[in-house]
PDB file of N, CA and C in Angstrom:
ATOM      1  N   MET A   1      16.578 214.205 -14.282  1.00  0.00           N
ATOM      2  CA  MET A   1      15.593 213.839 -16.067  1.00  0.00           C
ATOM      3  C   MET A   1      15.001 214.576 -16.513  1.00  0.00           C
ATOM      4  N   ILE A   2      14.618 215.883 -16.362  1.00  0.00           N
ATOM      5  CA  ILE A   2      14.575 217.196 -17.711  1.00  0.00           C
ATOM      6  C   ILE A   2      15.831 217.624 -17.650  1.00  0.00           C
ATOM      7  N   ASN A   3      16.820 217.809 -17.232  1.00  0.00           N
ATOM      8  CA  ASN A   3      18.003 218.332 -17.227  1.00  0.00           C
ATOM      9  C   ASN A   3      18.768 217.878 -18.044  1.00  0.00           C
ATOM     10  N   ASP A   4      18.485 216.024 -18.354  1.00  0.00           N
ATOM     11  CA  ASP A   4      19.179 215.581 -19.554  1.00  0.00           C
ATOM     12  C   ASP A   4      18.617 215.779 -20.532  1.00  0.00           C
ATOM     13  N   LEU A   5      17.239 215.523 -20.909  1.00  0.00           N
ATOM     14  CA  LEU A   5      16.239 215.740 -21.715  1.00  0.00           C
ATOM     15  C   LEU A   5      16.272 216.999 -22.329  1.00  0.00           C
ATOM     16  N   ARG A   6      15.839 218.180 -21.325  1.00  0.00           N
ATOM     17  CA  ARG A   6      16.120 219.258 -22.149  1.00  0.00           C
ATOM     18  C   ARG A   6      16.848 220.682 -22.099  1.00  0.00           C
ATOM     19  N   GLY A   7      17.766 220.141 -20.996  1.00  0.00           N
ATOM     20  CA  GLY A   7      18.419 221.177 -20.659  1.00  0.00           C
ATOM     21  C   GLY A   7      18.078 221.921 -18.955  1.00  0.00           C
ATOM     22  N   HIS A   8      19.182 222.434 -18.596  1.00  0.00           N
ATOM     23  CA  HIS A   8      19.173 222.978 -17.426  1.00  0.00           C
ATOM     24  C   HIS A   8      18.232 224.053 -17.663  1.00  0.00           C
ATOM     25  N   VAL A   9      17.674 225.036 -18.335  1.00  0.00           N
ATOM     26  CA  VAL A   9      16.992 226.116 -18.335  1.00  0.00           C
ATOM     27  C   VAL A   9      15.399 225.433 -17.902  1.00  0.00           C
ATOM     28  N   ALA A  10      15.495 224.334 -18.649  1.00  0.00           N
ATOM     29  CA  ALA A  10      13.723 223.528 -18.664  1.00  0.00           C
ATOM     30  C   ALA A  10      13.674 223.204 -17.454  1.00  0.00           C
ATOM     31  N   GLY A  11      14.879 222.357 -17.006  1.00  0.00           N
ATOM     32  CA  GLY A  11      15.121 221.909 -15.762  1.00  0.00           C
ATOM     33  C   GLY A  11      15.018 223.149 -14.434  1.00  0.00           C
ATOM     34  N   ASP A  12      15.557 224.145 -14.362  1.00  0.00           N
ATOM     35  CA  ASP A  12      14.898 224.761 -13.526  1.00  0.00           C
ATOM     36  C   ASP A  12      13.489 225.629 -12.993  1.00  0.00           C
ATOM     37  N   ALA A  13      13.329 225.903 -14.619  1.00  0.00           N
ATOM     38  CA  ALA A  13      11.689 226.978 -14.832  1.00  0.00           C
ATOM     39  C   ALA A  13      10.742 225.402 -14.255  1.00  0.00           C
ATOM     40  N   VAL A  14      11.234 224.305 -14.366  1.00  0.00           N
ATOM     41  CA  VAL A  14      10.345 223.369 -13.390  1.00  0.00           C
ATOM     42  C   VAL A  14      10.198 223.503 -12.356  1.00  0.00           C
ATOM     43  N   ILE A  15      11.404 223.292 -11.520  1.00  0.00           N
ATOM     44  CA  ILE A  15      11.625 223.634 -10.257  1.00  0.00           C
ATOM     45  C   ILE A  15      11.010 224.740  -9.873  1.00  0.00           C
ATOM     46  N   ALA A  16      11.273 226.105 -10.578  1.00  0.00           N
ATOM     47  CA  ALA A  16      10.603 227.274  -9.942  1.00  0.00           C
ATOM     48  C   ALA A  16       9.156 227.100  -9.980  1.00  0.00           C
ATOM     49  N   ARG A  17       8.495 226.631 -10.835  1.00  0.00           N
ATOM     50  CA  ARG A  17       7.373 226.635 -10.961  1.00  0.00           C
ATOM     51  C   ARG A  17       6.521 225.450 -10.098  1.00  0.00           C
ATOM     52  N   THR A  18       7.200 224.317  -9.359  1.00  0.00           N
ATOM     53  CA  THR A  18       6.979 223.744  -8.873  1.00  0.00           C
ATOM     54  C   THR A  18       6.801 224.260  -7.127  1.00  0.00           C
ATOM     55  N   ALA A  19       7.704 224.956  -6.928  1.00  0.00           N
ATOM     56  CA  ALA A  19       8.176 225.631  -6.217  1.00  0.00           C
ATOM     57  C   ALA A  19       6.878 226.766  -5.389  1.00  0.00           C
ATOM     58  N   ASN A  20       6.942 227.734  -6.414  1.00  0.00           N
ATOM     59  CA  ASN A  20       5.758 228.472  -6.738  1.00  0.00           C
ATOM     60  C   ASN A  20       4.213 227.857  -6.020  1.00  0.00           C
ATOM     61  N   SER A  21       3.534 226.410  -6.979  1.00  0.00           N
ATOM     62  CA  SER A  21       2.716 225.829  -6.819  1.00  0.00           C
ATOM     63  C   SER A  21       2.426 225.588  -5.302  1.00  0.00           C
ATOM     64  N   VAL A  22       3.317 224.911  -4.906  1.00  0.00           N
ATOM     65  CA  VAL A  22       3.347 223.959  -3.520  1.00  0.00           C
ATOM     66  C   VAL A  22       3.163 225.808  -2.142  1.00  0.00           C
ATOM     67  N   ARG A  23       4.338 226.744  -2.558  1.00  0.00           N
ATOM     68  CA  ARG A  23       3.936 228.046  -1.549  1.00  0.00           C
ATOM     69  C   ARG A  23       2.476 228.499  -1.749  1.00  0.00           C
ATOM     70  N   GLU A  24       2.116 228.337  -3.154  1.00  0.00           N
ATOM     71  CA  GLU A  24       0.562 229.121  -3.153  1.00  0.00           C
ATOM     72  C   GLU A  24      -0.326 228.061  -3.038  1.00  0.00           C
ATOM     73  N   SER A  25       0.013 226.958  -2.338  1.00  0.00           N
ATOM     74  CA  SER A  25      -0.909 225.919  -1.618  1.00  0.00           C
ATOM     75  C   SER A  25      -0.976 225.472  -0.117  1.00  0.00           C
ATOM     76  N   ILE A  26      -0.405 226.586   0.389  1.00  0.00           N
ATOM     77  CA  ILE A  26       0.041 226.166   1.718  1.00  0.00           C
ATOM     78  C   ILE A  26      -0.200 226.923   2.392  1.00  0.00           C
ATOM     79  N   ARG A  27      -0.636 226.826   3.973  1.00  0.00           N
ATOM     80  CA  ARG A  27      -1.469 227.821   4.965  1.00  0.00           C
ATOM     81  C   ARG A  27       0.066 229.293   5.263  1.00  0.00           C
ATOM     82  N   GLN A  28      -0.716 230.011   5.559  1.00  0.00           N
ATOM     83  CA  GLN A  28       0.574 230.948   6.489  1.00  0.00           C
ATOM     84  C   GLN A  28       1.086 230.341   7.322  1.00  0.00           C
ATOM     85  N   GLY A  29       2.422 230.566   7.771  1.00  0.00           N
ATOM     86  CA  GLY A  29       2.628 230.058   8.533  1.00  0.00           C
ATOM     87  C   GLY A  29       3.754 228.517   8.372  1.00  0.00           C
ATOM     88  N   ASP A  30       2.960 227.898   7.293  1.00  0.00           N
ATOM     89  CA  ASP A  30       3.383 226.363   7.234  1.00  0.00           C
ATOM     90  C   ASP A  30       4.649 226.582   6.040  1.00  0.00           C
ATOM     91  N   VAL A  31       5.576 226.066   6.458  1.00  0.00           N
ATOM     92  CA  VAL A  31       6.888 226.004   5.767  1.00  0.00           C
ATOM     93  C   VAL A  31       7.490 225.310   4.567  1.00  0.00           C
ATOM     94  N   CYS A  32       7.712 225.738   3.208  1.00  0.00           N
ATOM     95  CA  CYS A  32       8.076 224.476   2.359  1.00  0.00           C
ATOM     96  C   CYS A  32       9.314 224.765   2.261  1.00  0.00           C
ATOM     97  N   ALA A  33       9.998 223.706   1.386  1.00  0.00           N
ATOM     98  CA  ALA A  33      11.538 223.842   1.656  1.00  0.00           C
ATOM     99  C   ALA A  33      11.683 222.695   0.582  1.00  0.00           C
ATOM    100  N   ARG A  34      12.961 222.953  -0.392  1.00  0.00           N
ATOM    101  CA  ARG A  34      13.454 222.142  -1.395  1.00  0.00           C
ATOM    102  C   ARG A  34      14.390 221.145  -0.693  1.00  0.00           C
ATOM    103  N   LEU A  35      14.109 219.812  -0.682  1.00  0.00           N
ATOM    104  CA  LEU A  35      15.318 219.419   0.072  1.00  0.00           C
ATOM    105  C   LEU A  35      16.289 218.959  -0.866  1.00  0.00           C
ATOM    106  N   GLY A  36      15.912 219.021  -2.791  1.00  0.00           N
ATOM    107  CA  GLY A  36      17.160 218.717  -3.320  1.00  0.00           C
ATOM    108  C   GLY A  36      16.558 217.905  -4.505  1.00  0.00           C
ATOM    109  N   GLY A  37      17.084 218.391  -5.580  1.00  0.00           N
ATOM    110  CA  GLY A  37      16.879 217.644  -6.940  1.00  0.00           C
ATOM    111  C   GLY A  37      15.293 217.980  -6.999  1.00  0.00           C
ATOM    112  N   ASP A  38      14.373 217.227  -6.875  1.00  0.00           N
ATOM    113  CA  ASP A  38      13.203 217.495  -7.640  1.00  0.00           C
ATOM    114  C   ASP A  38      12.041 217.408  -5.974  1.00  0.00           C
ATOM    115  N   GLU A  39      12.735 217.145  -4.987  1.00  0.00           N
ATOM    116  CA  GLU A  39      11.838 216.578  -3.366  1.00  0.00           C
ATOM    117  C   GLU A  39      11.508 217.889  -2.850  1.00  0.00           C
ATOM    118  N   PHE A  40      10.494 218.462  -2.441  1.00  0.00           N
ATOM    119  CA  PHE A  40      10.084 219.635  -1.575  1.00  0.00           C
ATOM    120  C   PHE A  40       9.653 218.570   0.052  1.00  0.00           C
ATOM    121  N   LEU A  41       9.209 219.718   0.720  1.00  0.00           N
ATOM    122  CA  LEU A  41       9.176 219.249   2.203  1.00  0.00           C
ATOM    123  C   LEU A  41       7.914 220.310   2.386  1.00  0.00           C
ATOM    124  N   VAL A  42       7.489 219.846   3.096  1.00  0.00           N
ATOM    125  CA  VAL A  42       6.210 221.131   3.480  1.00  0.00           C
ATOM    126  C   VAL A  42       5.756 220.537   5.520  1.00  0.00           C
ATOM    127  N   PHE A  43       5.710 221.828   5.962  1.00  0.00           N
ATOM    128  CA  PHE A  43       5.945 221.483   7.662  1.00  0.00           C
ATOM    129  C   PHE A  43       4.541 221.986   7.864  1.00  0.00           C
ATOM    130  N   ALA A  44       3.615 221.221   8.177  1.00  0.00           N
ATOM    131  CA  ALA A  44       2.373 222.009   8.378  1.00  0.00           C
ATOM    132  C   ALA A  44       1.708 221.751   9.834  1.00  0.00           C
ATOM    133  N   SER A  45       2.082 222.854  10.769  1.00  0.00           N
ATOM    134  CA  SER A  45       1.572 222.782  12.118  1.00  0.00           C
ATOM    135  C   SER A  45       0.407 222.640  12.420  1.00  0.00           C
ATOM    136  N   ASP A  46       0.316 222.310  13.550  1.00  0.00           N
ATOM    137  CA  ASP A  46      -1.675 222.312  13.949  1.00  0.00           C
ATOM    138  C   ASP A  46      -2.445 221.806  12.400  1.00  0.00           C
ATOM    139  N   CYS A  47      -1.877 220.743  12.174  1.00  0.00           N
ATOM    140  CA  CYS A  47      -2.610 220.074  10.928  1.00  0.00           C
ATOM    141  C   CYS A  47      -2.922 218.700  11.138  1.00  0.00           C
ATOM    142  N   ASP A  48      -3.904 217.970  11.121  1.00  0.00           N
ATOM    143  CA  ASP A  48      -3.716 216.284  11.347  1.00  0.00           C
ATOM    144  C   ASP A  48      -3.943 216.005   9.641  1.00  0.00           C
ATOM    145  N   ALA A  49      -4.154 214.919   9.717  1.00  0.00           N
ATOM    146  CA  ALA A  49      -4.637 214.044   8.465  1.00  0.00           C
ATOM    147  C   ALA A  49      -5.465 214.417   7.225  1.00  0.00           C
ATOM    148  N   VAL A  50      -6.859 214.635   7.901  1.00  0.00           N
ATOM    149  CA  VAL A  50      -7.254 215.501   7.041  1.00  0.00           C
ATOM    150  C   VAL A  50      -7.008 216.728   6.375  1.00  0.00           C
ATOM    151  N   GLY A  51      -6.408 217.471   7.141  1.00  0.00           N
ATOM    152  CA  GLY A  51      -6.080 218.814   6.931  1.00  0.00           C
ATOM    153  C   GLY A  51      -4.621 218.588   5.785  1.00  0.00           C
ATOM    154  N   ALA A  52      -3.724 217.551   6.226  1.00  0.00           N
ATOM    155  CA  ALA A  52      -2.662 217.614   5.408  1.00  0.00           C
ATOM    156  C   ALA A  52      -3.037 216.882   4.079  1.00  0.00           C
ATOM    157  N   GLU A  53      -4.116 216.219   3.948  1.00  0.00           N
ATOM    158  CA  GLU A  53      -4.330 215.428   2.533  1.00  0.00           C
ATOM    159  C   GLU A  53      -5.274 216.527   2.104  1.00  0.00           C
ATOM    160  N   LYS A  54      -6.031 217.801   2.868  1.00  0.00           N
ATOM    161  CA  LYS A  54      -6.337 218.783   1.489  1.00  0.00           C
ATOM    162  C   LYS A  54      -5.002 219.670   0.860  1.00  0.00           C
ATOM    163  N   ILE A  55      -4.007 220.035   1.845  1.00  0.00           N
ATOM    164  CA  ILE A  55      -2.855 220.565   1.415  1.00  0.00           C
ATOM    165  C   ILE A  55      -2.172 219.965   0.187  1.00  0.00           C
ATOM    166  N   ALA A  56      -2.065 218.496   0.515  1.00  0.00           N
ATOM    167  CA  ALA A  56      -1.719 217.304  -0.687  1.00  0.00           C
ATOM    168  C   ALA A  56      -2.687 217.855  -1.915  1.00  0.00           C
ATOM    169  N   ARG A  57      -3.642 217.499  -1.830  1.00  0.00           N
ATOM    170  CA  ARG A  57      -4.752 217.954  -2.869  1.00  0.00           C
ATOM    171  C   ARG A  57      -4.558 219.097  -3.755  1.00  0.00           C
ATOM    172  N   LYS A  58      -4.460 220.337  -2.693  1.00  0.00           N
ATOM    173  CA  LYS A  58      -4.346 221.545  -3.632  1.00  0.00           C
ATOM    174  C   LYS A  58      -3.172 221.367  -4.143  1.00  0.00           C
ATOM    175  N   ILE A  59      -2.058 221.206  -3.895  1.00  0.00           N
ATOM    176  CA  ILE A  59      -1.153 221.061  -4.490  1.00  0.00           C
ATOM    177  C   ILE A  59      -0.854 220.169  -5.947  1.00  0.00           C
ATOM    178  N   LEU A  60      -1.041 219.203  -5.691  1.00  0.00           N
ATOM    179  CA  LEU A  60      -1.807 218.254  -6.795  1.00  0.00           C
ATOM    180  C   LEU A  60      -2.962 219.255  -7.925  1.00  0.00           C
ATOM    181  N   ALA A  61      -3.593 219.367  -7.609  1.00  0.00           N
ATOM    182  CA  ALA A  61      -4.218 220.343  -8.246  1.00  0.00           C
ATOM    183  C   ALA A  61      -3.620 221.722  -9.125  1.00  0.00           C
ATOM    184  N   ARG A  62      -3.041 221.810  -8.481  1.00  0.00           N
ATOM    185  CA  ARG A  62      -1.934 223.246  -9.397  1.00  0.00           C
ATOM    186  C   ARG A  62      -1.196 222.930  -9.820  1.00  0.00           C
ATOM    187  N   LEU A  63      -0.089 221.624  -9.507  1.00  0.00           N
ATOM    188  CA  LEU A  63       0.514 221.142 -10.263  1.00  0.00           C
ATOM    189  C   LEU A  63      -0.041 220.753 -11.868  1.00  0.00           C
ATOM    190  N   SER A  64      -1.102 220.116 -11.695  1.00  0.00           N
ATOM    191  CA  SER A  64      -2.006 219.291 -12.729  1.00  0.00           C
ATOM    192  C   SER A  64      -2.233 220.391 -13.902  1.00  0.00           C
ATOM    193  N   LYS A  65      -2.185 221.630 -13.474  1.00  0.00           N
ATOM    194  CA  LYS A  65      -2.309 222.768 -14.507  1.00  0.00           C
ATOM    195  C   LYS A  65      -1.195 223.720 -14.709  1.00  0.00           C
ATOM    196  N   HIS A  66      -0.236 222.841 -14.738  1.00  0.00           N
ATOM    197  CA  HIS A  66       1.075 223.642 -15.244  1.00  0.00           C
ATOM    198  C   HIS A  66       1.044 222.579 -16.710  1.00  0.00           C
ATOM    199  N   GLU A  67       1.152 223.848 -17.410  1.00  0.00           N
ATOM    200  CA  GLU A  67       2.129 224.012 -19.117  1.00  0.00           C
ATOM    201  C   GLU A  67       3.457 224.615 -19.257  1.00  0.00           C
ATOM    202  N   MET A  68       4.330 223.229 -19.410  1.00  0.00           N
ATOM    203  CA  MET A  68       5.958 223.887 -19.431  1.00  0.00           C
ATOM    204  C   MET A  68       6.167 223.650 -21.226  1.00  0.00           C
ATOM    205  N   PRO A  69       6.364 224.477 -21.854  1.00  0.00           N
ATOM    206  CA  PRO A  69       6.189 224.273 -23.415  1.00  0.00           C
ATOM    207  C   PRO A  69       7.721 224.396 -23.518  1.00  0.00           C
ATOM    208  N   LEU A  70       8.399 224.765 -22.426  1.00  0.00           N
ATOM    209  CA  LEU A  70       9.958 224.428 -22.687  1.00  0.00           C
ATOM    210  C   LEU A  70      10.416 223.073 -22.069  1.00  0.00           C
ATOM    211  N   ALA A  71       9.848 222.950 -21.412  1.00  0.00           N
ATOM    212  CA  ALA A  71      10.087 221.077 -21.040  1.00  0.00           C
ATOM    213  C   ALA A  71       9.629 220.175 -21.966  1.00  0.00           C
ATOM    214  N   ARG A  72       8.356 220.680 -22.102  1.00  0.00           N
ATOM    215  CA  ARG A  72       7.720 219.581 -23.058  1.00  0.00           C
ATOM    216  C   ARG A  72       7.879 217.945 -22.659  1.00  0.00           C
ATOM    217  N   VAL A  73       7.275 217.768 -21.418  1.00  0.00           N
ATOM    218  CA  VAL A  73       7.720 216.314 -20.477  1.00  0.00           C
ATOM    219  C   VAL A  73       5.910 216.404 -19.688  1.00  0.00           C
ATOM    220  N   ASN A  74       5.523 215.160 -19.763  1.00  0.00           N
ATOM    221  CA  ASN A  74       4.729 214.966 -18.918  1.00  0.00           C
ATOM    222  C   ASN A  74       4.752 215.172 -17.566  1.00  0.00           C
ATOM    223  N   PHE A  75       3.951 216.032 -16.338  1.00  0.00           N
ATOM    224  CA  PHE A  75       4.252 216.592 -15.649  1.00  0.00           C
ATOM    225  C   PHE A  75       3.150 215.668 -14.178  1.00  0.00           C
ATOM    226  N   SER A  76       4.200 215.038 -13.272  1.00  0.00           N
ATOM    227  CA  SER A  76       3.302 214.103 -12.480  1.00  0.00           C
ATOM    228  C   SER A  76       4.374 214.531 -10.907  1.00  0.00           C
ATOM    229  N   ALA A  77       3.589 214.230  -9.644  1.00  0.00           N
ATOM    230  CA  ALA A  77       3.848 214.083  -8.553  1.00  0.00           C
ATOM    231  C   ALA A  77       3.557 212.919  -7.674  1.00  0.00           C
ATOM    232  N   SER A  78       4.016 212.690  -6.592  1.00  0.00           N
ATOM    233  CA  SER A  78       3.643 212.046  -5.814  1.00  0.00           C
ATOM    234  C   SER A  78       4.291 212.443  -4.400  1.00  0.00           C
ATOM    235  N   ILE A  79       2.950 212.850  -3.185  1.00  0.00           N
ATOM    236  CA  ILE A  79       3.130 212.939  -1.850  1.00  0.00           C
ATOM    237  C   ILE A  79       3.049 212.562  -1.222  1.00  0.00           C
ATOM    238  N   GLY A  80       4.143 212.206  -0.037  1.00  0.00           N
ATOM    239  CA  GLY A  80       4.083 211.352   1.408  1.00  0.00           C
ATOM    240  C   GLY A  80       3.102 212.502   2.221  1.00  0.00           C
ATOM    241  N   ILE A  81       2.586 211.541   3.384  1.00  0.00           N
ATOM    242  CA  ILE A  81       2.274 212.309   4.488  1.00  0.00           C
ATOM    243  C   ILE A  81       2.186 211.418   5.993  1.00  0.00           C
ATOM    244  N   ALA A  82       3.193 212.792   6.548  1.00  0.00           N
ATOM    245  CA  ALA A  82       3.322 212.060   7.883  1.00  0.00           C
ATOM    246  C   ALA A  82       2.538 212.901   9.255  1.00  0.00           C
ATOM    247  N   VAL A  83       1.805 212.507   9.960  1.00  0.00           N
ATOM    248  CA  VAL A  83       1.472 213.520  11.044  1.00  0.00           C
ATOM    249  C   VAL A  83       1.645 213.336  12.178  1.00  0.00           C
ATOM    250  N   HIS A  84       2.563 213.800  12.723  1.00  0.00           N
ATOM    251  CA  HIS A  84       2.499 213.548  14.349  1.00  0.00           C
ATOM    252  C   HIS A  84       1.929 214.703  15.323  1.00  0.00           C
ATOM    253  N   LYS A  85       1.507 214.053  16.360  1.00  0.00           N
ATOM    254  CA  LYS A  85       1.139 214.911  17.361  1.00  0.00           C
ATOM    255  C   LYS A  85       1.653 214.864  18.411  1.00  0.00           C
ATOM    256  N   GLY A  86       1.649 216.094  18.751  1.00  0.00           N
ATOM    257  CA  GLY A  86       2.600 216.878  20.257  1.00  0.00           C
ATOM    258  C   GLY A  86       4.170 216.939  20.040  1.00  0.00           C
ATOM    259  N   PRO A  87       4.793 217.324  20.946  1.00  0.00           N
ATOM    260  CA  PRO A  87       6.301 217.758  20.748  1.00  0.00           C
ATOM    261  C   PRO A  87       6.849 216.763  20.288  1.00  0.00           C
ATOM    262  N   ASP A  88       8.083 216.818  19.243  1.00  0.00           N
ATOM    263  CA  ASP A  88       8.807 215.879  18.103  1.00  0.00           C
ATOM    264  C   ASP A  88      10.072 216.418  18.253  1.00  0.00           C
ATOM    265  N   ALA A  89      11.004 215.697  19.295  1.00  0.00           N
ATOM    266  CA  ALA A  89      12.665 215.993  18.812  1.00  0.00           C
ATOM    267  C   ALA A  89      13.410 215.569  17.817  1.00  0.00           C
ATOM    268  N   LEU A  90      12.295 214.500  17.048  1.00  0.00           N
ATOM    269  CA  LEU A  90      12.834 213.720  15.930  1.00  0.00           C
ATOM    270  C   LEU A  90      12.442 213.726  14.691  1.00  0.00           C
ATOM    271  N   GLN A  91      12.488 215.465  14.340  1.00  0.00           N
ATOM    272  CA  GLN A  91      11.702 215.788  13.385  1.00  0.00           C
ATOM    273  C   GLN A  91      12.727 214.888  11.954  1.00  0.00           C
ATOM    274  N   LYS A  92      13.551 214.598  12.069  1.00  0.00           N
ATOM    275  CA  LYS A  92      14.528 213.728  10.906  1.00  0.00           C
ATOM    276  C   LYS A  92      13.356 212.411  10.507  1.00  0.00           C
ATOM    277  N   ARG A  93      13.147 211.714  11.932  1.00  0.00           N
ATOM    278  CA  ARG A  93      12.314 210.678  11.914  1.00  0.00           C
ATOM    279  C   ARG A  93      10.901 210.915  10.481  1.00  0.00           C
ATOM    280  N   ARG A  94      10.085 211.948  11.489  1.00  0.00           N
ATOM    281  CA  ARG A  94       8.671 212.504  10.552  1.00  0.00           C
ATOM    282  C   ARG A  94       9.329 212.751   9.012  1.00  0.00           C
ATOM    283  N   THR A  95      10.236 213.382   9.037  1.00  0.00           N
ATOM    284  CA  THR A  95      10.823 213.712   7.628  1.00  0.00           C
ATOM    285  C   THR A  95      11.107 212.557   6.283  1.00  0.00           C
ATOM    286  N   GLN A  96      11.570 211.695   7.182  1.00  0.00           N
ATOM    287  CA  GLN A  96      11.501 210.179   6.180  1.00  0.00           C
ATOM    288  C   GLN A  96      10.613 209.696   6.230  1.00  0.00           C
ATOM    289  N   ARG A  97       9.372 209.507   7.530  1.00  0.00           N
ATOM    290  CA  ARG A  97       8.756 208.727   7.224  1.00  0.00           C
ATOM    291  C   ARG A  97       7.566 209.217   6.313  1.00  0.00           C
ATOM    292  N   ALA A  98       7.797 210.671   5.815  1.00  0.00           N
ATOM    293  CA  ALA A  98       6.558 211.441   4.603  1.00  0.00           C
ATOM    294  C   ALA A  98       7.522 210.719   3.551  1.00  0.00           C
ATOM    295  N   ASP A  99       8.754 210.521   3.345  1.00  0.00           N
ATOM    296  CA  ASP A  99       9.509 210.610   2.221  1.00  0.00           C
ATOM    297  C   ASP A  99       9.223 208.797   1.848  1.00  0.00           C
ATOM    298  N   ASP A 100       9.383 208.053   3.063  1.00  0.00           N
ATOM    299  CA  ASP A 100       8.953 206.174   2.658  1.00  0.00           C
ATOM    300  C   ASP A 100       7.587 206.572   1.585  1.00  0.00           C
TER     301      ASP A 100
END
């Protein structure tokens, strides 16, 4: 949407800023990946629902401080959380649960 409204330079800036905010919000050893478009995924090991919510709130707090004069758009985010204890050979299912 930002690419269509403000151009690819603005869209790329928003994606880069978002990625940096997510990386700065997660713990050492956690993994952040861009799934595509405007979707990011965080794998946080040894993390229960309370810890996952803490990480999510930290990400949202960082994103809410963004000023993107080039993009000139309202900035918002939604975060899905899926928690699994024990070994999980079906990581795709866990990812889908978080995205639902």
